[in-house]
Amino acid sequence: MNDWVYSLVASYGVWVVAASAYLSCLAIPIPTAVIMLAAGAFAAAGDLVLGEVLLAGWLAAIAGDNTGFQIGRWGGGAFLTRVSERTGRHRLMARGKETVSRYGGVGVFFSTWLFAPLGPWVNLIAGAMGLNRWRFLLWDTAGETIWVFAYVLLGYGFGSQIDAVADLVGDWAAMLAALAVAVGFVVAIAVKLRKTRPRADRDGAAGQPPDGGPPEPRPGPVTKA
């Protein structure tokens, strides 16, 4: 498939980069990562202009995300239900809803590059759940900057080993996602422990007198004479 992608980029240049970036943000399965790597490699060889490749991919990705956001805003919760039923992506939609409701714009940011398969669904859900448009745009722009620049510049820097880089990027993305889940789990445990510790300290201090002496004896049961 990579040879077909390379010939497509060689023939149509930045138009392929822009189209793939836009459509992939609408959950259409397109090998955009490989296309961006190839475009970066062609830019390194002088066949494409690096700045044009970066700008085309960046603007198209932001436009695609905001199109999904607007579709979700128009459709609302009923639209999300229909999409979930027709695509069978119930688990993915549930993860997207949790991401938006729990993390808001920060969740949008990480879904654009670290958890990229979740990104198109997060766009729809963010719009349907009423996330502020400008907040969405801010975090989305930051995330897409990382996503587009990382892939294009990797292709630009390692164009002679483009096939190896494409395979490595797939493993690297999976490793980063697993690492992020593990870090999130550790942070959640740490936060929970931090919340429960002051409560335990308060319970332990309840039986202590103000001067720190021994606890006052509690009255025993009253017995009849």
N, C-alpha and C. Protein backbone atom coordinates (compact mmCIF):
# COMPACT_ATOMS: atom_id res chain seq x y z
N MET A 1 0.82 -1.21 0.00
CA MET A 1 0.00 0.00 0.00
C MET A 1 0.86 1.26 0.00
N ASN A 2 2.04 1.17 0.64
CA ASN A 2 2.89 2.35 0.73
C ASN A 2 3.31 2.86 -0.65
N ASP A 3 3.57 1.95 -1.59
CA ASP A 3 3.97 2.38 -2.93
C ASP A 3 2.85 3.17 -3.60
N TRP A 4 1.62 2.73 -3.39
CA TRP A 4 0.47 3.44 -3.95
C TRP A 4 0.36 4.83 -3.34
N VAL A 5 0.59 4.93 -2.02
CA VAL A 5 0.54 6.23 -1.34
C VAL A 5 1.63 7.15 -1.88
N TYR A 6 2.82 6.62 -2.08
CA TYR A 6 3.93 7.44 -2.57
C TYR A 6 3.63 7.99 -3.97
N SER A 7 3.06 7.13 -4.82
CA SER A 7 2.76 7.60 -6.17
C SER A 7 1.65 8.65 -6.15
N LEU A 8 0.72 8.52 -5.22
CA LEU A 8 -0.36 9.49 -5.09
C LEU A 8 0.19 10.85 -4.66
N VAL A 9 1.10 10.83 -3.68
CA VAL A 9 1.71 12.08 -3.21
C VAL A 9 2.57 12.69 -4.30
N ALA A 10 3.29 11.85 -5.03
CA ALA A 10 4.14 12.36 -6.10
C ALA A 10 3.32 13.02 -7.21
N SER A 11 2.12 12.51 -7.45
CA SER A 11 1.28 13.05 -8.53
C SER A 11 0.51 14.30 -8.12
N TYR A 12 0.01 14.33 -6.89
CA TYR A 12 -0.91 15.40 -6.50
C TYR A 12 -0.39 16.29 -5.37
N GLY A 13 0.72 15.95 -4.77
CA GLY A 13 1.38 16.82 -3.82
C GLY A 13 0.54 17.23 -2.62
N VAL A 14 0.52 18.54 -2.33
CA VAL A 14 -0.11 19.03 -1.11
C VAL A 14 -1.62 18.83 -1.13
N TRP A 15 -2.22 18.66 -2.32
CA TRP A 15 -3.66 18.44 -2.37
C TRP A 15 -4.03 17.11 -1.72
N VAL A 16 -3.20 16.11 -1.89
CA VAL A 16 -3.44 14.82 -1.24
C VAL A 16 -3.27 14.95 0.26
N VAL A 17 -2.26 15.69 0.69
CA VAL A 17 -2.04 15.91 2.12
C VAL A 17 -3.26 16.59 2.74
N ALA A 18 -3.74 17.64 2.11
CA ALA A 18 -4.89 18.39 2.64
C ALA A 18 -6.15 17.53 2.66
N ALA A 19 -6.42 16.83 1.57
CA ALA A 19 -7.63 16.01 1.50
C ALA A 19 -7.61 14.89 2.54
N SER A 20 -6.47 14.22 2.68
CA SER A 20 -6.40 13.11 3.63
C SER A 20 -6.51 13.60 5.07
N ALA A 21 -5.87 14.74 5.37
CA ALA A 21 -5.95 15.28 6.72
C ALA A 21 -7.38 15.67 7.07
N TYR A 22 -8.07 16.29 6.13
CA TYR A 22 -9.46 16.72 6.37
C TYR A 22 -10.38 15.53 6.56
N LEU A 23 -10.31 14.57 5.66
CA LEU A 23 -11.25 13.44 5.69
C LEU A 23 -10.98 12.51 6.86
N SER A 24 -9.72 12.32 7.23
CA SER A 24 -9.43 11.43 8.36
C SER A 24 -9.97 12.00 9.66
N CYS A 25 -10.09 13.32 9.75
CA CYS A 25 -10.65 13.95 10.95
C CYS A 25 -12.17 13.78 11.02
N LEU A 26 -12.76 13.24 9.96
CA LEU A 26 -14.18 12.93 9.93
C LEU A 26 -14.42 11.43 10.00
N ALA A 27 -13.43 10.71 10.54
CA ALA A 27 -13.52 9.26 10.78
C ALA A 27 -13.53 8.43 9.51
N ILE A 28 -13.05 8.98 8.41
CA ILE A 28 -12.91 8.22 7.17
C ILE A 28 -11.53 7.56 7.17
N PRO A 29 -11.46 6.23 7.06
CA PRO A 29 -10.18 5.53 7.21
C PRO A 29 -9.22 5.79 6.05
N ILE A 30 -8.30 6.67 6.28
CA ILE A 30 -7.29 7.04 5.28
C ILE A 30 -5.92 6.99 5.96
N PRO A 31 -4.89 6.44 5.29
CA PRO A 31 -3.55 6.37 5.91
C PRO A 31 -2.85 7.74 5.91
N THR A 32 -3.42 8.67 6.64
CA THR A 32 -2.90 10.04 6.62
C THR A 32 -1.48 10.12 7.17
N ALA A 33 -1.17 9.31 8.17
CA ALA A 33 0.18 9.36 8.74
C ALA A 33 1.22 9.01 7.69
N VAL A 34 0.96 7.96 6.90
CA VAL A 34 1.91 7.57 5.83
C VAL A 34 1.98 8.65 4.76
N ILE A 35 0.85 9.26 4.44
CA ILE A 35 0.84 10.33 3.43
C ILE A 35 1.68 11.51 3.90
N MET A 36 1.57 11.88 5.16
CA MET A 36 2.37 13.00 5.68
C MET A 36 3.85 12.65 5.71
N LEU A 37 4.16 11.42 6.09
CA LEU A 37 5.57 11.00 6.07
C LEU A 37 6.12 11.08 4.65
N ALA A 38 5.34 10.59 3.69
CA ALA A 38 5.77 10.63 2.29
C ALA A 38 5.94 12.06 1.80
N ALA A 39 5.00 12.93 2.17
CA ALA A 39 5.10 14.33 1.74
C ALA A 39 6.35 14.99 2.33
N GLY A 40 6.66 14.66 3.58
CA GLY A 40 7.88 15.19 4.18
C GLY A 40 9.12 14.70 3.45
N ALA A 41 9.11 13.41 3.05
CA ALA A 41 10.25 12.86 2.31
C ALA A 41 10.40 13.52 0.95
N PHE A 42 9.29 13.77 0.26
CA PHE A 42 9.35 14.46 -1.03
C PHE A 42 9.83 15.90 -0.87
N ALA A 43 9.46 16.52 0.25
CA ALA A 43 9.95 17.88 0.51
C ALA A 43 11.45 17.88 0.73
N ALA A 44 11.95 16.86 1.42
CA ALA A 44 13.40 16.76 1.64
C ALA A 44 14.14 16.57 0.33
N ALA A 45 13.50 15.89 -0.62
CA ALA A 45 14.13 15.66 -1.93
C ALA A 45 14.00 16.86 -2.86
N GLY A 46 13.23 17.86 -2.44
CA GLY A 46 13.06 19.05 -3.25
C GLY A 46 11.88 19.00 -4.20
N ASP A 47 11.08 17.93 -4.14
CA ASP A 47 9.92 17.81 -5.03
C ASP A 47 8.71 18.59 -4.52
N LEU A 48 8.65 18.81 -3.21
CA LEU A 48 7.59 19.62 -2.60
C LEU A 48 8.23 20.67 -1.71
N VAL A 49 7.46 21.68 -1.38
CA VAL A 49 7.94 22.75 -0.49
C VAL A 49 7.49 22.42 0.93
N LEU A 50 8.43 22.33 1.85
CA LEU A 50 8.12 21.91 3.22
C LEU A 50 7.06 22.80 3.86
N GLY A 51 7.21 24.11 3.72
CA GLY A 51 6.25 25.02 4.34
C GLY A 51 4.84 24.81 3.81
N GLU A 52 4.70 24.54 2.53
CA GLU A 52 3.39 24.32 1.94
C GLU A 52 2.77 23.01 2.45
N VAL A 53 3.59 21.99 2.59
CA VAL A 53 3.10 20.72 3.11
C VAL A 53 2.59 20.88 4.54
N LEU A 54 3.37 21.54 5.37
CA LEU A 54 2.98 21.76 6.77
C LEU A 54 1.70 22.59 6.85
N LEU A 55 1.63 23.66 6.09
CA LEU A 55 0.47 24.55 6.14
C LEU A 55 -0.79 23.84 5.64
N ALA A 56 -0.66 23.08 4.54
CA ALA A 56 -1.82 22.39 3.98
C ALA A 56 -2.37 21.35 4.96
N GLY A 57 -1.48 20.55 5.53
CA GLY A 57 -1.93 19.53 6.47
C GLY A 57 -2.51 20.13 7.74
N TRP A 58 -1.89 21.18 8.24
CA TRP A 58 -2.33 21.83 9.47
C TRP A 58 -3.71 22.47 9.32
N LEU A 59 -3.88 23.26 8.26
CA LEU A 59 -5.17 23.93 8.05
C LEU A 59 -6.28 22.91 7.77
N ALA A 60 -5.98 21.88 6.98
CA ALA A 60 -6.99 20.89 6.65
C ALA A 60 -7.41 20.09 7.87
N ALA A 61 -6.45 19.74 8.74
CA ALA A 61 -6.78 18.99 9.95
C ALA A 61 -7.67 19.82 10.87
N ILE A 62 -7.34 21.08 11.05
CA ILE A 62 -8.16 21.95 11.90
C ILE A 62 -9.55 22.12 11.30
N ALA A 63 -9.62 22.28 9.98
CA ALA A 63 -10.92 22.42 9.31
C ALA A 63 -11.74 21.15 9.47
N GLY A 64 -11.12 19.98 9.35
CA GLY A 64 -11.83 18.73 9.50
C GLY A 64 -12.37 18.55 10.91
N ASP A 65 -11.56 18.86 11.90
CA ASP A 65 -12.01 18.75 13.28
C ASP A 65 -13.18 19.68 13.57
N ASN A 66 -13.10 20.89 13.07
CA ASN A 66 -14.17 21.85 13.33
C ASN A 66 -15.43 21.53 12.54
N THR A 67 -15.27 20.87 11.39
CA THR A 67 -16.45 20.38 10.68
C THR A 67 -17.17 19.33 11.51
N GLY A 68 -16.40 18.40 12.07
CA GLY A 68 -17.00 17.39 12.94
C GLY A 68 -17.65 18.01 14.16
N PHE A 69 -17.00 19.00 14.73
CA PHE A 69 -17.57 19.70 15.89
C PHE A 69 -18.91 20.34 15.54
N GLN A 70 -18.97 20.99 14.37
CA GLN A 70 -20.21 21.66 13.97
C GLN A 70 -21.32 20.66 13.66
N ILE A 71 -20.96 19.53 13.06
CA ILE A 71 -21.96 18.48 12.81
C ILE A 71 -22.54 17.99 14.13
N GLY A 72 -21.67 17.78 15.10
CA GLY A 72 -22.15 17.36 16.42
C GLY A 72 -23.02 18.42 17.07
N ARG A 73 -22.67 19.69 16.90
CA ARG A 73 -23.47 20.78 17.47
C ARG A 73 -24.87 20.81 16.84
N TRP A 74 -24.93 20.60 15.53
CA TRP A 74 -26.23 20.58 14.85
C TRP A 74 -27.05 19.35 15.23
N GLY A 75 -26.39 18.20 15.31
CA GLY A 75 -27.12 16.95 15.53
C GLY A 75 -27.54 16.70 16.97
N GLY A 76 -26.69 17.10 17.92
CA GLY A 76 -27.01 16.91 19.32
C GLY A 76 -26.91 15.45 19.76
N GLY A 77 -27.47 15.17 20.93
CA GLY A 77 -27.39 13.84 21.50
C GLY A 77 -28.06 12.77 20.67
N ALA A 78 -29.17 13.11 20.02
CA ALA A 78 -29.87 12.13 19.19
C ALA A 78 -29.00 11.69 18.02
N PHE A 79 -28.24 12.62 17.46
CA PHE A 79 -27.34 12.29 16.36
C PHE A 79 -26.24 11.33 16.83
N LEU A 80 -25.70 11.57 18.02
CA LEU A 80 -24.66 10.69 18.56
C LEU A 80 -25.20 9.28 18.74
N THR A 81 -26.42 9.18 19.20
CA THR A 81 -27.03 7.86 19.39
C THR A 81 -27.16 7.12 18.06
N ARG A 82 -27.60 7.83 17.02
CA ARG A 82 -27.73 7.20 15.70
C ARG A 82 -26.38 6.77 15.14
N VAL A 83 -25.38 7.64 15.30
CA VAL A 83 -24.04 7.31 14.82
C VAL A 83 -23.50 6.08 15.53
N SER A 84 -23.69 6.02 16.84
CA SER A 84 -23.21 4.89 17.63
C SER A 84 -23.88 3.59 17.20
N GLU A 85 -25.18 3.66 16.92
CA GLU A 85 -25.91 2.45 16.51
C GLU A 85 -25.53 2.00 15.10
N ARG A 86 -25.36 2.94 14.20
CA ARG A 86 -25.08 2.57 12.81
C ARG A 86 -23.64 2.11 12.60
N THR A 87 -22.71 2.67 13.36
CA THR A 87 -21.30 2.31 13.19
C THR A 87 -20.86 1.19 14.11
N GLY A 88 -21.64 0.93 15.14
CA GLY A 88 -21.25 -0.09 16.12
C GLY A 88 -20.10 0.33 17.01
N ARG A 89 -19.83 1.62 17.06
CA ARG A 89 -18.70 2.13 17.86
C ARG A 89 -19.17 2.53 19.26
N HIS A 90 -19.89 1.67 19.91
CA HIS A 90 -20.47 2.02 21.21
C HIS A 90 -19.38 2.30 22.25
N ARG A 91 -18.38 1.43 22.30
CA ARG A 91 -17.33 1.61 23.29
C ARG A 91 -16.50 2.87 23.01
N LEU A 92 -16.21 3.10 21.73
CA LEU A 92 -15.43 4.28 21.37
C LEU A 92 -16.20 5.56 21.67
N MET A 93 -17.49 5.56 21.40
CA MET A 93 -18.31 6.73 21.70
C MET A 93 -18.39 6.96 23.21
N ALA A 94 -18.49 5.89 23.97
CA ALA A 94 -18.53 6.02 25.43
C ALA A 94 -17.23 6.62 25.96
N ARG A 95 -16.09 6.18 25.40
CA ARG A 95 -14.80 6.76 25.80
C ARG A 95 -14.72 8.23 25.43
N GLY A 96 -15.25 8.56 24.24
CA GLY A 96 -15.24 9.95 23.81
C GLY A 96 -16.07 10.84 24.73
N LYS A 97 -17.24 10.36 25.13
CA LYS A 97 -18.09 11.13 26.03
C LYS A 97 -17.42 11.35 27.38
N GLU A 98 -16.78 10.30 27.88
CA GLU A 98 -16.08 10.43 29.16
C GLU A 98 -14.92 11.42 29.04
N THR A 99 -14.21 11.37 27.91
CA THR A 99 -13.08 12.27 27.71
C THR A 99 -13.52 13.72 27.71
N VAL A 100 -14.60 14.03 27.00
CA VAL A 100 -15.07 15.41 26.92
C VAL A 100 -15.66 15.88 28.24
N SER A 101 -16.49 15.05 28.87
CA SER A 101 -17.15 15.47 30.11
C SER A 101 -16.16 15.60 31.25
N ARG A 102 -15.11 14.79 31.24
CA ARG A 102 -14.16 14.80 32.36
C ARG A 102 -13.02 15.80 32.16
N TYR A 103 -12.54 15.91 30.92
CA TYR A 103 -11.34 16.71 30.68
C TYR A 103 -11.57 17.94 29.79
N GLY A 104 -12.70 18.03 29.11
CA GLY A 104 -13.00 19.19 28.29
C GLY A 104 -11.99 19.41 27.19
N GLY A 105 -11.45 20.63 27.10
CA GLY A 105 -10.51 20.98 26.05
C GLY A 105 -9.22 20.19 26.10
N VAL A 106 -8.76 19.83 27.29
CA VAL A 106 -7.53 19.03 27.41
C VAL A 106 -7.73 17.66 26.77
N GLY A 107 -8.93 17.10 26.94
CA GLY A 107 -9.23 15.83 26.28
C GLY A 107 -9.20 15.96 24.77
N VAL A 108 -9.70 17.08 24.25
CA VAL A 108 -9.65 17.34 22.81
C VAL A 108 -8.19 17.38 22.35
N PHE A 109 -7.35 18.06 23.10
CA PHE A 109 -5.93 18.20 22.76
C PHE A 109 -5.25 16.84 22.59
N PHE A 110 -5.42 15.95 23.56
CA PHE A 110 -4.75 14.65 23.49
C PHE A 110 -5.38 13.73 22.45
N SER A 111 -6.67 13.92 22.16
CA SER A 111 -7.33 13.05 21.17
C SER A 111 -6.86 13.35 19.75
N THR A 112 -6.28 14.52 19.51
CA THR A 112 -5.84 14.86 18.16
C THR A 112 -4.54 14.19 17.77
N TRP A 113 -3.70 13.83 18.75
CA TRP A 113 -2.41 13.26 18.38
C TRP A 113 -2.01 12.03 19.19
N LEU A 114 -2.29 12.03 20.51
CA LEU A 114 -1.87 10.88 21.31
C LEU A 114 -2.85 9.73 21.17
N PHE A 115 -4.14 10.03 21.18
CA PHE A 115 -5.19 9.02 20.99
C PHE A 115 -5.93 9.34 19.69
N ALA A 116 -5.19 9.38 18.60
CA ALA A 116 -5.75 9.84 17.32
C ALA A 116 -6.98 9.07 16.85
N PRO A 117 -7.09 7.73 17.04
CA PRO A 117 -8.32 7.05 16.60
C PRO A 117 -9.57 7.56 17.31
N LEU A 118 -9.40 8.15 18.49
CA LEU A 118 -10.54 8.69 19.24
C LEU A 118 -10.92 10.09 18.77
N GLY A 119 -10.01 10.77 18.07
CA GLY A 119 -10.18 12.17 17.73
C GLY A 119 -11.45 12.52 16.99
N PRO A 120 -11.78 11.85 15.87
CA PRO A 120 -13.00 12.23 15.14
C PRO A 120 -14.26 12.11 15.97
N TRP A 121 -14.31 11.13 16.85
CA TRP A 121 -15.50 10.94 17.68
C TRP A 121 -15.56 12.00 18.77
N VAL A 122 -14.40 12.38 19.29
CA VAL A 122 -14.36 13.45 20.29
C VAL A 122 -14.84 14.76 19.68
N ASN A 123 -14.51 15.01 18.42
CA ASN A 123 -14.97 16.24 17.76
C ASN A 123 -16.50 16.29 17.73
N LEU A 124 -17.12 15.20 17.30
CA LEU A 124 -18.59 15.14 17.25
C LEU A 124 -19.20 15.32 18.65
N ILE A 125 -18.62 14.61 19.60
CA ILE A 125 -19.17 14.63 20.96
C ILE A 125 -19.00 15.99 21.60
N ALA A 126 -17.85 16.62 21.38
CA ALA A 126 -17.63 17.96 21.95
C ALA A 126 -18.66 18.95 21.43
N GLY A 127 -18.98 18.87 20.15
CA GLY A 127 -20.01 19.74 19.60
C GLY A 127 -21.38 19.44 20.16
N ALA A 128 -21.73 18.15 20.26
CA ALA A 128 -23.04 17.77 20.75
C ALA A 128 -23.21 18.08 22.23
N MET A 129 -22.12 18.01 23.01
CA MET A 129 -22.21 18.26 24.45
C MET A 129 -22.08 19.74 24.80
N GLY A 130 -21.92 20.58 23.79
CA GLY A 130 -21.93 22.02 24.03
C GLY A 130 -20.64 22.60 24.54
N LEU A 131 -19.49 21.94 24.26
CA LEU A 131 -18.20 22.52 24.64
C LEU A 131 -18.02 23.86 23.93
N ASN A 132 -17.49 24.84 24.65
CA ASN A 132 -17.31 26.16 24.08
C ASN A 132 -16.50 26.09 22.78
N ARG A 133 -17.00 26.76 21.74
CA ARG A 133 -16.37 26.67 20.41
C ARG A 133 -14.93 27.17 20.43
N TRP A 134 -14.66 28.29 21.08
CA TRP A 134 -13.32 28.86 21.07
C TRP A 134 -12.36 28.03 21.92
N ARG A 135 -12.89 27.44 22.97
CA ARG A 135 -12.07 26.55 23.78
C ARG A 135 -11.68 25.32 22.96
N PHE A 136 -12.66 24.79 22.23
CA PHE A 136 -12.38 23.65 21.35
C PHE A 136 -11.32 24.02 20.32
N LEU A 137 -11.49 25.17 19.68
CA LEU A 137 -10.56 25.59 18.62
C LEU A 137 -9.15 25.76 19.17
N LEU A 138 -9.02 26.33 20.36
CA LEU A 138 -7.70 26.55 20.95
C LEU A 138 -6.97 25.24 21.19
N TRP A 139 -7.63 24.31 21.88
CA TRP A 139 -6.98 23.04 22.20
C TRP A 139 -6.79 22.17 20.96
N ASP A 140 -7.73 22.24 20.05
CA ASP A 140 -7.62 21.47 18.82
C ASP A 140 -6.44 21.95 17.97
N THR A 141 -6.28 23.26 17.86
CA THR A 141 -5.17 23.82 17.08
C THR A 141 -3.83 23.39 17.67
N ALA A 142 -3.72 23.43 18.99
CA ALA A 142 -2.48 23.01 19.64
C ALA A 142 -2.18 21.54 19.36
N GLY A 143 -3.20 20.70 19.45
CA GLY A 143 -2.99 19.28 19.21
C GLY A 143 -2.66 18.96 17.77
N GLU A 144 -3.35 19.59 16.84
CA GLU A 144 -3.09 19.31 15.43
C GLU A 144 -1.72 19.83 15.00
N THR A 145 -1.24 20.86 15.66
CA THR A 145 0.12 21.34 15.37
C THR A 145 1.14 20.24 15.67
N ILE A 146 0.96 19.57 16.80
CA ILE A 146 1.87 18.47 17.14
C ILE A 146 1.73 17.33 16.14
N TRP A 147 0.49 16.96 15.83
CA TRP A 147 0.25 15.81 14.96
C TRP A 147 0.83 16.03 13.56
N VAL A 148 0.51 17.14 12.93
CA VAL A 148 0.95 17.38 11.56
C VAL A 148 2.46 17.59 11.50
N PHE A 149 2.98 18.44 12.36
CA PHE A 149 4.41 18.74 12.30
C PHE A 149 5.25 17.51 12.62
N ALA A 150 4.81 16.68 13.56
CA ALA A 150 5.59 15.50 13.92
C ALA A 150 5.74 14.55 12.74
N TYR A 151 4.65 14.24 12.06
CA TYR A 151 4.72 13.29 10.95
C TYR A 151 5.46 13.86 9.75
N VAL A 152 5.16 15.09 9.38
CA VAL A 152 5.82 15.67 8.21
C VAL A 152 7.32 15.82 8.45
N LEU A 153 7.69 16.29 9.62
CA LEU A 153 9.12 16.49 9.89
C LEU A 153 9.87 15.17 10.05
N LEU A 154 9.18 14.14 10.54
CA LEU A 154 9.82 12.82 10.57
C LEU A 154 10.13 12.35 9.14
N GLY A 155 9.15 12.53 8.26
CA GLY A 155 9.40 12.16 6.86
C GLY A 155 10.49 13.00 6.24
N TYR A 156 10.54 14.26 6.60
CA TYR A 156 11.56 15.16 6.07
C TYR A 156 12.96 14.77 6.55
N GLY A 157 13.04 14.37 7.81
CA GLY A 157 14.36 14.05 8.37
C GLY A 157 14.85 12.65 8.03
N PHE A 158 13.92 11.71 7.80
CA PHE A 158 14.31 10.32 7.57
C PHE A 158 13.70 9.79 6.27
N GLY A 159 13.70 10.63 5.25
CA GLY A 159 13.08 10.25 3.98
C GLY A 159 13.68 9.03 3.34
N SER A 160 14.97 8.79 3.53
CA SER A 160 15.60 7.64 2.89
C SER A 160 15.21 6.32 3.54
N GLN A 161 14.68 6.37 4.76
CA GLN A 161 14.20 5.17 5.46
C GLN A 161 12.70 5.27 5.72
N ILE A 162 11.94 5.74 4.74
CA ILE A 162 10.54 6.07 4.95
C ILE A 162 9.71 4.85 5.35
N ASP A 163 9.99 3.68 4.76
CA ASP A 163 9.22 2.48 5.10
C ASP A 163 9.48 2.06 6.55
N ALA A 164 10.73 2.10 6.97
CA ALA A 164 11.06 1.74 8.34
C ALA A 164 10.45 2.73 9.32
N VAL A 165 10.47 4.01 8.96
CA VAL A 165 9.88 5.02 9.83
C VAL A 165 8.38 4.83 9.95
N ALA A 166 7.71 4.48 8.86
CA ALA A 166 6.27 4.25 8.90
C ALA A 166 5.92 3.11 9.84
N ASP A 167 6.70 2.02 9.78
CA ASP A 167 6.46 0.90 10.70
C ASP A 167 6.75 1.30 12.14
N LEU A 168 7.83 2.05 12.33
CA LEU A 168 8.21 2.47 13.67
C LEU A 168 7.18 3.40 14.29
N VAL A 169 6.62 4.28 13.48
CA VAL A 169 5.64 5.23 13.98
C VAL A 169 4.40 4.51 14.50
N GLY A 170 3.99 3.44 13.83
CA GLY A 170 2.84 2.68 14.31
C GLY A 170 3.10 2.08 15.68
N ASP A 171 4.29 1.48 15.88
CA ASP A 171 4.64 0.93 17.18
C ASP A 171 4.80 2.03 18.23
N TRP A 172 5.38 3.14 17.81
CA TRP A 172 5.62 4.26 18.73
C TRP A 172 4.31 4.87 19.21
N ALA A 173 3.33 4.99 18.32
CA ALA A 173 2.04 5.55 18.71
C ALA A 173 1.34 4.64 19.71
N ALA A 174 1.39 3.33 19.46
CA ALA A 174 0.76 2.39 20.40
C ALA A 174 1.46 2.43 21.75
N MET A 175 2.79 2.54 21.75
CA MET A 175 3.53 2.59 23.00
C MET A 175 3.20 3.86 23.79
N LEU A 176 3.11 4.99 23.09
CA LEU A 176 2.77 6.24 23.77
C LEU A 176 1.37 6.19 24.37
N ALA A 177 0.43 5.61 23.64
CA ALA A 177 -0.93 5.50 24.15
C ALA A 177 -0.97 4.64 25.41
N ALA A 178 -0.26 3.51 25.39
CA ALA A 178 -0.22 2.64 26.57
C ALA A 178 0.45 3.34 27.74
N LEU A 179 1.52 4.08 27.45
CA LEU A 179 2.21 4.82 28.50
C LEU A 179 1.31 5.89 29.11
N ALA A 180 0.56 6.58 28.27
CA ALA A 180 -0.34 7.62 28.76
C ALA A 180 -1.43 7.03 29.66
N VAL A 181 -1.96 5.85 29.28
CA VAL A 181 -2.97 5.20 30.11
C VAL A 181 -2.38 4.82 31.46
N ALA A 182 -1.15 4.28 31.45
CA ALA A 182 -0.51 3.89 32.70
C ALA A 182 -0.26 5.10 33.60
N VAL A 183 0.23 6.20 33.01
CA VAL A 183 0.47 7.42 33.80
C VAL A 183 -0.83 7.96 34.37
N GLY A 184 -1.88 7.95 33.56
CA GLY A 184 -3.18 8.42 34.04
C GLY A 184 -3.69 7.58 35.20
N PHE A 185 -3.46 6.26 35.14
CA PHE A 185 -3.88 5.37 36.22
C PHE A 185 -3.13 5.68 37.50
N VAL A 186 -1.83 5.89 37.39
CA VAL A 186 -1.02 6.21 38.58
C VAL A 186 -1.44 7.55 39.18
N VAL A 187 -1.68 8.54 38.33
CA VAL A 187 -2.11 9.85 38.82
C VAL A 187 -3.46 9.75 39.53
N ALA A 188 -4.37 8.97 38.96
CA ALA A 188 -5.70 8.82 39.58
C ALA A 188 -5.58 8.18 40.96
N ILE A 189 -4.71 7.18 41.10
CA ILE A 189 -4.51 6.55 42.41
C ILE A 189 -3.91 7.55 43.39
N ALA A 190 -2.91 8.32 42.93
CA ALA A 190 -2.27 9.30 43.80
C ALA A 190 -3.26 10.35 44.29
N VAL A 191 -4.12 10.82 43.39
CA VAL A 191 -5.13 11.82 43.78
C VAL A 191 -6.10 11.23 44.80
N LYS A 192 -6.50 9.99 44.59
CA LYS A 192 -7.44 9.35 45.51
C LYS A 192 -6.82 9.17 46.88
N LEU A 193 -5.55 8.75 46.92
CA LEU A 193 -4.87 8.59 48.20
C LEU A 193 -4.70 9.93 48.91
N ARG A 194 -4.44 10.98 48.14
CA ARG A 194 -4.26 12.29 48.74
C ARG A 194 -5.57 12.79 49.35
N LYS A 195 -6.70 12.44 48.74
CA LYS A 195 -7.99 12.87 49.27
C LYS A 195 -8.38 12.09 50.51
N THR A 196 -7.99 10.80 50.57
CA THR A 196 -8.39 9.98 51.71
C THR A 196 -7.48 10.18 52.92
N ARG A 197 -6.24 10.65 52.71
CA ARG A 197 -5.31 10.79 53.84
C ARG A 197 -5.73 11.87 54.84
N PRO A 198 -6.13 13.07 54.39
CA PRO A 198 -6.58 14.07 55.37
C PRO A 198 -7.79 13.59 56.17
N ARG A 199 -8.67 12.79 55.53
CA ARG A 199 -9.82 12.28 56.25
C ARG A 199 -9.39 11.33 57.35
N ALA A 200 -8.39 10.48 57.05
CA ALA A 200 -7.89 9.56 58.06
C ALA A 200 -7.20 10.32 59.18
N ASP A 201 -6.47 11.40 58.85
CA ASP A 201 -5.81 12.20 59.88
C ASP A 201 -6.84 12.85 60.79
N ARG A 202 -7.93 13.34 60.19
CA ARG A 202 -8.96 13.96 61.02
C ARG A 202 -9.62 12.95 61.94
N ASP A 203 -9.87 11.74 61.41
CA ASP A 203 -10.48 10.71 62.25
C ASP A 203 -9.55 10.31 63.38
N GLY A 204 -8.24 10.24 63.10
CA GLY A 204 -7.29 9.88 64.14
C GLY A 204 -7.14 10.95 65.20
N ALA A 205 -7.29 12.22 64.80
CA ALA A 205 -7.13 13.32 65.74
C ALA A 205 -8.40 13.60 66.53
N ALA A 206 -9.50 12.93 66.20
CA ALA A 206 -10.77 13.23 66.87
C ALA A 206 -10.73 12.85 68.34
N GLY A 207 -9.97 11.79 68.68
CA GLY A 207 -9.91 11.36 70.09
C GLY A 207 -8.80 12.00 70.88
N GLN A 208 -8.04 12.95 70.32
CA GLN A 208 -6.92 13.58 71.00
C GLN A 208 -7.34 14.91 71.62
N PRO A 209 -6.92 15.21 72.84
CA PRO A 209 -7.20 16.52 73.44
C PRO A 209 -6.37 17.59 72.76
N PRO A 210 -6.71 18.87 72.90
CA PRO A 210 -5.99 19.95 72.23
C PRO A 210 -4.51 19.98 72.53
N ASP A 211 -4.06 19.59 73.75
CA ASP A 211 -2.63 19.70 74.10
C ASP A 211 -1.83 18.51 73.63
N GLY A 212 -2.46 17.56 72.95
CA GLY A 212 -1.73 16.42 72.42
C GLY A 212 -1.53 15.32 73.42
N GLY A 213 -2.17 15.39 74.63
CA GLY A 213 -2.04 14.37 75.65
C GLY A 213 -2.82 13.13 75.29
N PRO A 214 -2.93 12.21 76.23
CA PRO A 214 -3.65 10.97 75.94
C PRO A 214 -5.12 11.24 75.71
N PRO A 215 -5.77 10.41 74.94
CA PRO A 215 -7.19 10.64 74.67
C PRO A 215 -8.02 10.55 75.92
N GLU A 216 -9.06 11.35 76.00
CA GLU A 216 -9.94 11.32 77.14
C GLU A 216 -10.73 10.03 77.14
N PRO A 217 -10.89 9.41 78.31
CA PRO A 217 -11.66 8.16 78.36
C PRO A 217 -13.12 8.40 78.02
N ARG A 218 -13.65 7.48 77.29
CA ARG A 218 -15.05 7.56 76.95
C ARG A 218 -15.88 6.94 78.07
N PRO A 219 -17.01 7.53 78.37
CA PRO A 219 -17.83 6.97 79.46
C PRO A 219 -18.34 5.60 79.09
N GLY A 220 -18.31 4.70 80.07
CA GLY A 220 -18.80 3.35 79.87
C GLY A 220 -20.31 3.29 79.97
N PRO A 221 -20.85 2.15 79.82
CA PRO A 221 -22.31 2.01 79.90
C PRO A 221 -22.82 2.26 81.31
N VAL A 222 -23.93 2.86 81.41
CA VAL A 222 -24.54 3.17 82.71
C VAL A 222 -25.31 1.95 83.18
N THR A 223 -25.00 1.47 84.41
CA THR A 223 -25.71 0.32 84.98
C THR A 223 -26.57 0.73 86.13
N LYS A 224 -27.68 0.06 86.29
CA LYS A 224 -28.57 0.37 87.41
C LYS A 224 -28.00 -0.22 88.68
N ALA A 225 -28.17 0.52 89.84
CA ALA A 225 -27.67 0.05 91.12
C ALA A 225 -28.49 -1.16 91.58
